[in-house]
Amino acid sequence: MDVRMAKSKAGHDKDQVYVIIKEDREYVYLAD
């Protein structure tokens, strides 16, 4: 699996960095 990371731009977790563990058409699933 390719390593992908993302930073939250909105919500109570704004600026939190996560690893993307799964993705579908509209959503990503993030874990820290």
PDB file of all heavy atoms in Angstrom:
ATOM      1  N   MET A   1       0.836  -1.177   0.000  1.00  0.00           N
ATOM      2  CA  MET A   1       0.000   0.000   0.000  1.00  0.00           C
ATOM      3  C   MET A   1       0.881   1.240   0.000  1.00  0.00           C
ATOM      4  O   MET A   1       1.886   1.295   0.679  1.00  0.00           O
ATOM      5  CB  MET A   1      -0.913  -0.020   1.235  1.00  0.00           C
ATOM      6  CG  MET A   1      -1.805   1.189   1.337  1.00  0.00           C
ATOM      7  SD  MET A   1      -2.799   1.154   2.840  1.00  0.00           S
ATOM      8  CE  MET A   1      -4.364   0.747   2.126  1.00  0.00           C
ATOM      9  N   ASP A   2       0.492   2.218  -0.746  1.00  0.00           N
ATOM     10  CA  ASP A   2       1.216   3.479  -0.832  1.00  0.00           C
ATOM     11  C   ASP A   2       0.977   4.292   0.434  1.00  0.00           C
ATOM     12  O   ASP A   2      -0.147   4.350   0.932  1.00  0.00           O
ATOM     13  CB  ASP A   2       0.710   4.242  -2.061  1.00  0.00           C
ATOM     14  CG  ASP A   2       1.575   5.418  -2.399  1.00  0.00           C
ATOM     15  OD1 ASP A   2       2.757   5.418  -2.028  1.00  0.00           O
ATOM     16  OD2 ASP A   2       1.060   6.348  -3.041  1.00  0.00           O
ATOM     17  N   VAL A   3       2.007   4.909   0.966  1.00  0.00           N
ATOM     18  CA  VAL A   3       1.881   5.711   2.176  1.00  0.00           C
ATOM     19  C   VAL A   3       1.359   7.094   1.792  1.00  0.00           C
ATOM     20  O   VAL A   3       1.963   7.788   0.995  1.00  0.00           O
ATOM     21  CB  VAL A   3       3.236   5.857   2.891  1.00  0.00           C
ATOM     22  CG1 VAL A   3       3.093   6.728   4.120  1.00  0.00           C
ATOM     23  CG2 VAL A   3       3.809   4.509   3.233  1.00  0.00           C
ATOM     24  N   ARG A   4       0.216   7.456   2.372  1.00  0.00           N
ATOM     25  CA  ARG A   4      -0.350   8.768   2.114  1.00  0.00           C
ATOM     26  C   ARG A   4      -0.748   9.399   3.439  1.00  0.00           C
ATOM     27  O   ARG A   4      -1.253   8.720   4.327  1.00  0.00           O
ATOM     28  CB  ARG A   4      -1.556   8.667   1.185  1.00  0.00           C
ATOM     29  CG  ARG A   4      -1.139   8.170  -0.197  1.00  0.00           C
ATOM     30  CD  ARG A   4      -2.300   7.933  -1.102  1.00  0.00           C
ATOM     31  NE  ARG A   4      -3.207   7.009  -0.435  1.00  0.00           N
ATOM     32  CZ  ARG A   4      -4.514   6.991  -0.635  1.00  0.00           C
ATOM     33  NH1 ARG A   4      -5.072   7.793  -1.473  1.00  0.00           N
ATOM     34  NH2 ARG A   4      -5.279   6.138   0.016  1.00  0.00           N
ATOM     35  N   MET A   5      -0.503  10.682   3.528  1.00  0.00           N
ATOM     36  CA  MET A   5      -0.832  11.421   4.739  1.00  0.00           C
ATOM     37  C   MET A   5      -1.663  12.639   4.369  1.00  0.00           C
ATOM     38  O   MET A   5      -1.622  13.106   3.232  1.00  0.00           O
ATOM     39  CB  MET A   5       0.447  11.853   5.462  1.00  0.00           C
ATOM     40  CG  MET A   5       1.261  10.685   5.980  1.00  0.00           C
ATOM     41  SD  MET A   5       2.864  11.171   6.646  1.00  0.00           S
ATOM     42  CE  MET A   5       2.397  12.135   8.045  1.00  0.00           C
ATOM     43  N   ALA A   6      -2.407  13.144   5.367  1.00  0.00           N
ATOM     44  CA  ALA A   6      -3.244  14.315   5.129  1.00  0.00           C
ATOM     45  C   ALA A   6      -3.364  15.129   6.404  1.00  0.00           C
ATOM     46  O   ALA A   6      -3.224  14.610   7.506  1.00  0.00           O
ATOM     47  CB  ALA A   6      -4.629  13.888   4.665  1.00  0.00           C
ATOM     48  N   LYS A   7      -3.633  16.420   6.213  1.00  0.00           N
ATOM     49  CA  LYS A   7      -3.870  17.326   7.324  1.00  0.00           C
ATOM     50  C   LYS A   7      -5.316  17.791   7.240  1.00  0.00           C
ATOM     51  O   LYS A   7      -5.809  18.131   6.166  1.00  0.00           O
ATOM     52  CB  LYS A   7      -2.941  18.534   7.225  1.00  0.00           C
ATOM     53  CG  LYS A   7      -3.094  19.522   8.361  1.00  0.00           C
ATOM     54  CD  LYS A   7      -2.235  20.738   8.153  1.00  0.00           C
ATOM     55  CE  LYS A   7      -0.857  20.480   8.696  1.00  0.00           C
ATOM     56  NZ  LYS A   7      -0.053  21.724   8.781  1.00  0.00           N
ATOM     57  N   SER A   8      -6.000  17.793   8.369  1.00  0.00           N
ATOM     58  CA  SER A   8      -7.388  18.228   8.423  1.00  0.00           C
ATOM     59  C   SER A   8      -7.459  19.742   8.228  1.00  0.00           C
ATOM     60  O   SER A   8      -6.725  20.492   8.863  1.00  0.00           O
ATOM     61  CB  SER A   8      -7.991  17.842   9.776  1.00  0.00           C
ATOM     62  OG  SER A   8      -9.281  18.363   9.900  1.00  0.00           O
ATOM     63  N   LYS A   9      -8.358  20.186   7.337  1.00  0.00           N
ATOM     64  CA  LYS A   9      -8.546  21.614   7.088  1.00  0.00           C
ATOM     65  C   LYS A   9      -9.771  22.169   7.798  1.00  0.00           C
ATOM     66  O   LYS A   9      -9.944  23.389   7.844  1.00  0.00           O
ATOM     67  CB  LYS A   9      -8.713  21.894   5.587  1.00  0.00           C
ATOM     68  CG  LYS A   9      -7.519  21.577   4.748  1.00  0.00           C
ATOM     69  CD  LYS A   9      -7.630  22.096   3.331  1.00  0.00           C
ATOM     70  CE  LYS A   9      -8.928  21.815   2.645  1.00  0.00           C
ATOM     71  NZ  LYS A   9      -8.964  22.201   1.233  1.00  0.00           N
ATOM     72  N   ALA A  10     -10.627  21.311   8.318  1.00  0.00           N
ATOM     73  CA  ALA A  10     -11.870  21.778   8.931  1.00  0.00           C
ATOM     74  C   ALA A  10     -12.288  20.838  10.054  1.00  0.00           C
ATOM     75  O   ALA A  10     -11.895  19.682  10.096  1.00  0.00           O
ATOM     76  CB  ALA A  10     -12.968  21.848   7.876  1.00  0.00           C
ATOM     77  N   GLY A  11     -13.097  21.374  10.952  1.00  0.00           N
ATOM     78  CA  GLY A  11     -13.609  20.572  12.047  1.00  0.00           C
ATOM     79  C   GLY A  11     -12.821  20.782  13.330  1.00  0.00           C
ATOM     80  O   GLY A  11     -11.861  21.556  13.369  1.00  0.00           O
ATOM     81  N   HIS A  12     -13.216  20.081  14.371  1.00  0.00           N
ATOM     82  CA  HIS A  12     -12.545  20.231  15.665  1.00  0.00           C
ATOM     83  C   HIS A  12     -11.115  19.714  15.642  1.00  0.00           C
ATOM     84  O   HIS A  12     -10.315  20.034  16.526  1.00  0.00           O
ATOM     85  CB  HIS A  12     -13.346  19.533  16.777  1.00  0.00           C
ATOM     86  CG  HIS A  12     -13.277  18.047  16.701  1.00  0.00           C
ATOM     87  ND1 HIS A  12     -14.064  17.313  15.850  1.00  0.00           N
ATOM     88  CD2 HIS A  12     -12.493  17.169  17.354  1.00  0.00           C
ATOM     89  CE1 HIS A  12     -13.758  16.028  15.994  1.00  0.00           C
ATOM     90  NE2 HIS A  12     -12.822  15.909  16.900  1.00  0.00           N
ATOM     91  N   ASP A  13     -10.773  18.936  14.647  1.00  0.00           N
ATOM     92  CA  ASP A  13      -9.419  18.389  14.522  1.00  0.00           C
ATOM     93  C   ASP A  13      -8.574  19.161  13.506  1.00  0.00           C
ATOM     94  O   ASP A  13      -7.568  18.658  13.021  1.00  0.00           O
ATOM     95  CB  ASP A  13      -9.484  16.912  14.141  1.00  0.00           C
ATOM     96  CG  ASP A  13     -10.104  16.684  12.774  1.00  0.00           C
ATOM     97  OD1 ASP A  13     -10.839  17.570  12.273  1.00  0.00           O
ATOM     98  OD2 ASP A  13      -9.872  15.610  12.206  1.00  0.00           O
ATOM     99  N   LYS A  14      -8.944  20.395  13.214  1.00  0.00           N
ATOM    100  CA  LYS A  14      -8.228  21.206  12.236  1.00  0.00           C
ATOM    101  C   LYS A  14      -6.725  21.210  12.530  1.00  0.00           C
ATOM    102  O   LYS A  14      -6.315  21.304  13.688  1.00  0.00           O
ATOM    103  CB  LYS A  14      -8.754  22.641  12.255  1.00  0.00           C
ATOM    104  CG  LYS A  14      -8.140  23.515  11.205  1.00  0.00           C
ATOM    105  CD  LYS A  14      -8.743  24.889  11.205  1.00  0.00           C
ATOM    106  CE  LYS A  14      -8.062  25.686  10.111  1.00  0.00           C
ATOM    107  NZ  LYS A  14      -8.436  27.066  10.127  1.00  0.00           N
ATOM    108  N   ASP A  15      -5.932  21.046  11.484  1.00  0.00           N
ATOM    109  CA  ASP A  15      -4.458  21.008  11.520  1.00  0.00           C
ATOM    110  C   ASP A  15      -3.881  19.707  12.078  1.00  0.00           C
ATOM    111  O   ASP A  15      -2.671  19.556  12.171  1.00  0.00           O
ATOM    112  CB  ASP A  15      -3.874  22.197  12.293  1.00  0.00           C
ATOM    113  CG  ASP A  15      -4.162  23.511  11.596  1.00  0.00           C
ATOM    114  OD1 ASP A  15      -4.212  23.531  10.345  1.00  0.00           O
ATOM    115  OD2 ASP A  15      -4.348  24.525  12.292  1.00  0.00           O
ATOM    116  N   GLN A  16      -4.710  18.751  12.418  1.00  0.00           N
ATOM    117  CA  GLN A  16      -4.242  17.428  12.863  1.00  0.00           C
ATOM    118  C   GLN A  16      -3.741  16.653  11.640  1.00  0.00           C
ATOM    119  O   GLN A  16      -4.355  16.684  10.585  1.00  0.00           O
ATOM    120  CB  GLN A  16      -5.380  16.671  13.540  1.00  0.00           C
ATOM    121  CG  GLN A  16      -5.008  15.294  14.019  1.00  0.00           C
ATOM    122  CD  GLN A  16      -4.085  15.321  15.211  1.00  0.00           C
ATOM    123  OE1 GLN A  16      -4.163  16.205  16.050  1.00  0.00           O
ATOM    124  NE2 GLN A  16      -3.206  14.347  15.290  1.00  0.00           N
ATOM    125  N   VAL A  17      -2.642  15.943  11.796  1.00  0.00           N
ATOM    126  CA  VAL A  17      -2.066  15.152  10.715  1.00  0.00           C
ATOM    127  C   VAL A  17      -2.422  13.687  10.931  1.00  0.00           C
ATOM    128  O   VAL A  17      -2.348  13.180  12.059  1.00  0.00           O
ATOM    129  CB  VAL A  17      -0.533  15.338  10.658  1.00  0.00           C
ATOM    130  CG1 VAL A  17       0.081  14.463   9.570  1.00  0.00           C
ATOM    131  CG2 VAL A  17      -0.185  16.794  10.417  1.00  0.00           C
ATOM    132  N   TYR A  18      -2.803  13.017   9.861  1.00  0.00           N
ATOM    133  CA  TYR A  18      -3.220  11.619   9.904  1.00  0.00           C
ATOM    134  C   TYR A  18      -2.554  10.824   8.788  1.00  0.00           C
ATOM    135  O   TYR A  18      -2.117  11.395   7.785  1.00  0.00           O
ATOM    136  CB  TYR A  18      -4.732  11.496   9.681  1.00  0.00           C
ATOM    137  CG  TYR A  18      -5.601  12.110  10.726  1.00  0.00           C
ATOM    138  CD1 TYR A  18      -6.161  13.364  10.538  1.00  0.00           C
ATOM    139  CD2 TYR A  18      -5.908  11.426  11.897  1.00  0.00           C
ATOM    140  CE1 TYR A  18      -7.003  13.928  11.489  1.00  0.00           C
ATOM    141  CE2 TYR A  18      -6.746  11.978  12.852  1.00  0.00           C
ATOM    142  CZ  TYR A  18      -7.293  13.233  12.638  1.00  0.00           C
ATOM    143  OH  TYR A  18      -8.125  13.774  13.583  1.00  0.00           O
ATOM    144  N   VAL A  19      -2.587   9.521   8.929  1.00  0.00           N
ATOM    145  CA  VAL A  19      -2.236   8.605   7.851  1.00  0.00           C
ATOM    146  C   VAL A  19      -3.548   8.120   7.246  1.00  0.00           C
ATOM    147  O   VAL A  19      -4.478   7.771   7.974  1.00  0.00           O
ATOM    148  CB  VAL A  19      -1.407   7.406   8.371  1.00  0.00           C
ATOM    149  CG1 VAL A  19      -1.206   6.359   7.270  1.00  0.00           C
ATOM    150  CG2 VAL A  19      -0.065   7.877   8.902  1.00  0.00           C
ATOM    151  N   ILE A  20      -3.627   8.139   5.921  1.00  0.00           N
ATOM    152  CA  ILE A  20      -4.823   7.666   5.232  1.00  0.00           C
ATOM    153  C   ILE A  20      -4.733   6.149   5.147  1.00  0.00           C
ATOM    154  O   ILE A  20      -3.786   5.615   4.575  1.00  0.00           O
ATOM    155  CB  ILE A  20      -4.946   8.279   3.830  1.00  0.00           C
ATOM    156  CG1 ILE A  20      -5.056   9.796   3.940  1.00  0.00           C
ATOM    157  CG2 ILE A  20      -6.137   7.679   3.073  1.00  0.00           C
ATOM    158  CD1 ILE A  20      -4.995  10.523   2.610  1.00  0.00           C
ATOM    159  N   ILE A  21      -5.718   5.461   5.716  1.00  0.00           N
ATOM    160  CA  ILE A  21      -5.670   3.996   5.688  1.00  0.00           C
ATOM    161  C   ILE A  21      -6.646   3.403   4.689  1.00  0.00           C
ATOM    162  O   ILE A  21      -6.521   2.236   4.329  1.00  0.00           O
ATOM    163  CB  ILE A  21      -5.898   3.400   7.094  1.00  0.00           C
ATOM    164  CG1 ILE A  21      -7.234   3.807   7.663  1.00  0.00           C
ATOM    165  CG2 ILE A  21      -4.766   3.782   8.025  1.00  0.00           C
ATOM    166  CD1 ILE A  21      -7.622   3.021   8.893  1.00  0.00           C
ATOM    167  N   LYS A  22      -7.613   4.205   4.248  1.00  0.00           N
ATOM    168  CA  LYS A  22      -8.599   3.715   3.285  1.00  0.00           C
ATOM    169  C   LYS A  22      -9.222   4.917   2.593  1.00  0.00           C
ATOM    170  O   LYS A  22      -9.264   6.012   3.152  1.00  0.00           O
ATOM    171  CB  LYS A  22      -9.664   2.905   4.026  1.00  0.00           C
ATOM    172  CG  LYS A  22     -10.616   2.137   3.144  1.00  0.00           C
ATOM    173  CD  LYS A  22     -11.459   1.190   3.979  1.00  0.00           C
ATOM    174  CE  LYS A  22     -12.887   1.661   3.946  1.00  0.00           C
ATOM    175  NZ  LYS A  22     -13.806   0.804   4.695  1.00  0.00           N
ATOM    176  N   GLU A  23      -9.706   4.683   1.390  1.00  0.00           N
ATOM    177  CA  GLU A  23     -10.313   5.771   0.628  1.00  0.00           C
ATOM    178  C   GLU A  23     -11.442   5.212  -0.224  1.00  0.00           C
ATOM    179  O   GLU A  23     -11.347   4.115  -0.748  1.00  0.00           O
ATOM    180  CB  GLU A  23      -9.231   6.387  -0.268  1.00  0.00           C
ATOM    181  CG  GLU A  23      -9.661   7.560  -1.066  1.00  0.00           C
ATOM    182  CD  GLU A  23      -8.513   8.178  -1.838  1.00  0.00           C
ATOM    183  OE1 GLU A  23      -7.346   7.774  -1.661  1.00  0.00           O
ATOM    184  OE2 GLU A  23      -8.790   9.066  -2.633  1.00  0.00           O
ATOM    185  N   ASP A  24     -12.517   5.977  -0.315  1.00  0.00           N
ATOM    186  CA  ASP A  24     -13.562   5.631  -1.269  1.00  0.00           C
ATOM    187  C   ASP A  24     -13.843   6.872  -2.106  1.00  0.00           C
ATOM    188  O   ASP A  24     -13.060   7.814  -2.091  1.00  0.00           O
ATOM    189  CB  ASP A  24     -14.811   5.040  -0.593  1.00  0.00           C
ATOM    190  CG  ASP A  24     -15.502   5.978   0.378  1.00  0.00           C
ATOM    191  OD1 ASP A  24     -15.386   7.203   0.223  1.00  0.00           O
ATOM    192  OD2 ASP A  24     -16.172   5.476   1.290  1.00  0.00           O
ATOM    193  N   ARG A  25     -14.934   6.871  -2.799  1.00  0.00           N
ATOM    194  CA  ARG A  25     -15.207   7.944  -3.753  1.00  0.00           C
ATOM    195  C   ARG A  25     -15.250   9.337  -3.117  1.00  0.00           C
ATOM    196  O   ARG A  25     -14.699  10.289  -3.652  1.00  0.00           O
ATOM    197  CB  ARG A  25     -16.529   7.647  -4.439  1.00  0.00           C
ATOM    198  CG  ARG A  25     -16.833   8.541  -5.576  1.00  0.00           C
ATOM    199  CD  ARG A  25     -18.042   8.066  -6.288  1.00  0.00           C
ATOM    200  NE  ARG A  25     -18.046   8.664  -7.612  1.00  0.00           N
ATOM    201  CZ  ARG A  25     -19.016   8.551  -8.441  1.00  0.00           C
ATOM    202  NH1 ARG A  25     -20.078   7.850  -8.118  1.00  0.00           N
ATOM    203  NH2 ARG A  25     -18.956   9.120  -9.615  1.00  0.00           N
ATOM    204  N   GLU A  26     -15.911   9.457  -1.984  1.00  0.00           N
ATOM    205  CA  GLU A  26     -16.138  10.761  -1.371  1.00  0.00           C
ATOM    206  C   GLU A  26     -15.364  10.989  -0.073  1.00  0.00           C
ATOM    207  O   GLU A  26     -15.132  12.114   0.328  1.00  0.00           O
ATOM    208  CB  GLU A  26     -17.637  10.903  -1.082  1.00  0.00           C
ATOM    209  CG  GLU A  26     -18.101  12.302  -0.861  1.00  0.00           C
ATOM    210  CD  GLU A  26     -19.616  12.385  -0.747  1.00  0.00           C
ATOM    211  OE1 GLU A  26     -20.321  11.528  -1.315  1.00  0.00           O
ATOM    212  OE2 GLU A  26     -20.087  13.301  -0.070  1.00  0.00           O
ATOM    213  N   TYR A  27     -14.950   9.908   0.581  1.00  0.00           N
ATOM    214  CA  TYR A  27     -14.349  10.022   1.902  1.00  0.00           C
ATOM    215  C   TYR A  27     -12.983   9.344   1.976  1.00  0.00           C
ATOM    216  O   TYR A  27     -12.682   8.444   1.216  1.00  0.00           O
ATOM    217  CB  TYR A  27     -15.251   9.369   2.963  1.00  0.00           C
ATOM    218  CG  TYR A  27     -16.594  10.034   3.096  1.00  0.00           C
ATOM    219  CD1 TYR A  27     -17.712   9.501   2.468  1.00  0.00           C
ATOM    220  CD2 TYR A  27     -16.749  11.195   3.834  1.00  0.00           C
ATOM    221  CE1 TYR A  27     -18.952  10.111   2.580  1.00  0.00           C
ATOM    222  CE2 TYR A  27     -17.971  11.811   3.956  1.00  0.00           C
ATOM    223  CZ  TYR A  27     -19.079  11.273   3.327  1.00  0.00           C
ATOM    224  OH  TYR A  27     -20.292  11.886   3.444  1.00  0.00           O
ATOM    225  N   VAL A  28     -12.204   9.816   2.960  1.00  0.00           N
ATOM    226  CA  VAL A  28     -10.977   9.131   3.339  1.00  0.00           C
ATOM    227  C   VAL A  28     -11.151   8.682   4.784  1.00  0.00           C
ATOM    228  O   VAL A  28     -11.926   9.272   5.538  1.00  0.00           O
ATOM    229  CB  VAL A  28      -9.721  10.024   3.200  1.00  0.00           C
ATOM    230  CG1 VAL A  28      -9.398  10.289   1.758  1.00  0.00           C
ATOM    231  CG2 VAL A  28      -9.864  11.312   3.977  1.00  0.00           C
ATOM    232  N   TYR A  29     -10.447   7.649   5.155  1.00  0.00           N
ATOM    233  CA  TYR A  29     -10.492   7.115   6.512  1.00  0.00           C
ATOM    234  C   TYR A  29      -9.108   7.300   7.109  1.00  0.00           C
ATOM    235  O   TYR A  29      -8.123   6.794   6.570  1.00  0.00           O
ATOM    236  CB  TYR A  29     -10.937   5.661   6.491  1.00  0.00           C
ATOM    237  CG  TYR A  29     -12.355   5.551   5.956  1.00  0.00           C
ATOM    238  CD1 TYR A  29     -12.597   5.493   4.595  1.00  0.00           C
ATOM    239  CD2 TYR A  29     -13.442   5.557   6.820  1.00  0.00           C
ATOM    240  CE1 TYR A  29     -13.896   5.440   4.094  1.00  0.00           C
ATOM    241  CE2 TYR A  29     -14.738   5.493   6.340  1.00  0.00           C
ATOM    242  CZ  TYR A  29     -14.956   5.443   4.979  1.00  0.00           C
ATOM    243  OH  TYR A  29     -16.237   5.403   4.497  1.00  0.00           O
ATOM    244  N   LEU A  30      -9.051   8.046   8.201  1.00  0.00           N
ATOM    245  CA  LEU A  30      -7.795   8.523   8.759  1.00  0.00           C
ATOM    246  C   LEU A  30      -7.526   7.903  10.123  1.00  0.00           C
ATOM    247  O   LEU A  30      -8.443   7.702  10.918  1.00  0.00           O
ATOM    248  CB  LEU A  30      -7.865  10.042   8.917  1.00  0.00           C
ATOM    249  CG  LEU A  30      -8.304  10.824   7.677  1.00  0.00           C
ATOM    250  CD1 LEU A  30      -8.618  12.262   8.048  1.00  0.00           C
ATOM    251  CD2 LEU A  30      -7.240  10.759   6.612  1.00  0.00           C
ATOM    252  N   ALA A  31      -6.253   7.636  10.382  1.00  0.00           N
ATOM    253  CA  ALA A  31      -5.845   7.098  11.684  1.00  0.00           C
ATOM    254  C   ALA A  31      -4.612   7.845  12.167  1.00  0.00           C
ATOM    255  O   ALA A  31      -3.774   8.265  11.366  1.00  0.00           O
ATOM    256  CB  ALA A  31      -5.545   5.606  11.580  1.00  0.00           C
ATOM    257  N   ASP A  32      -4.538   8.008  13.503  1.00  0.00           N
ATOM    258  CA  ASP A  32      -3.337   8.598  14.097  1.00  0.00           C
ATOM    259  C   ASP A  32      -2.661   7.628  15.072  1.00  0.00           C
ATOM    260  O   ASP A  32      -1.645   7.939  15.658  1.00  0.00           O
ATOM    261  CB  ASP A  32      -3.653   9.927  14.784  1.00  0.00           C
ATOM    262  CG  ASP A  32      -4.540   9.799  16.010  1.00  0.00           C
ATOM    263  OD1 ASP A  32      -4.888   8.663  16.408  1.00  0.00           O
ATOM    264  OD2 ASP A  32      -4.896  10.851  16.572  1.00  0.00           O
TER     265      ASP A  32
END
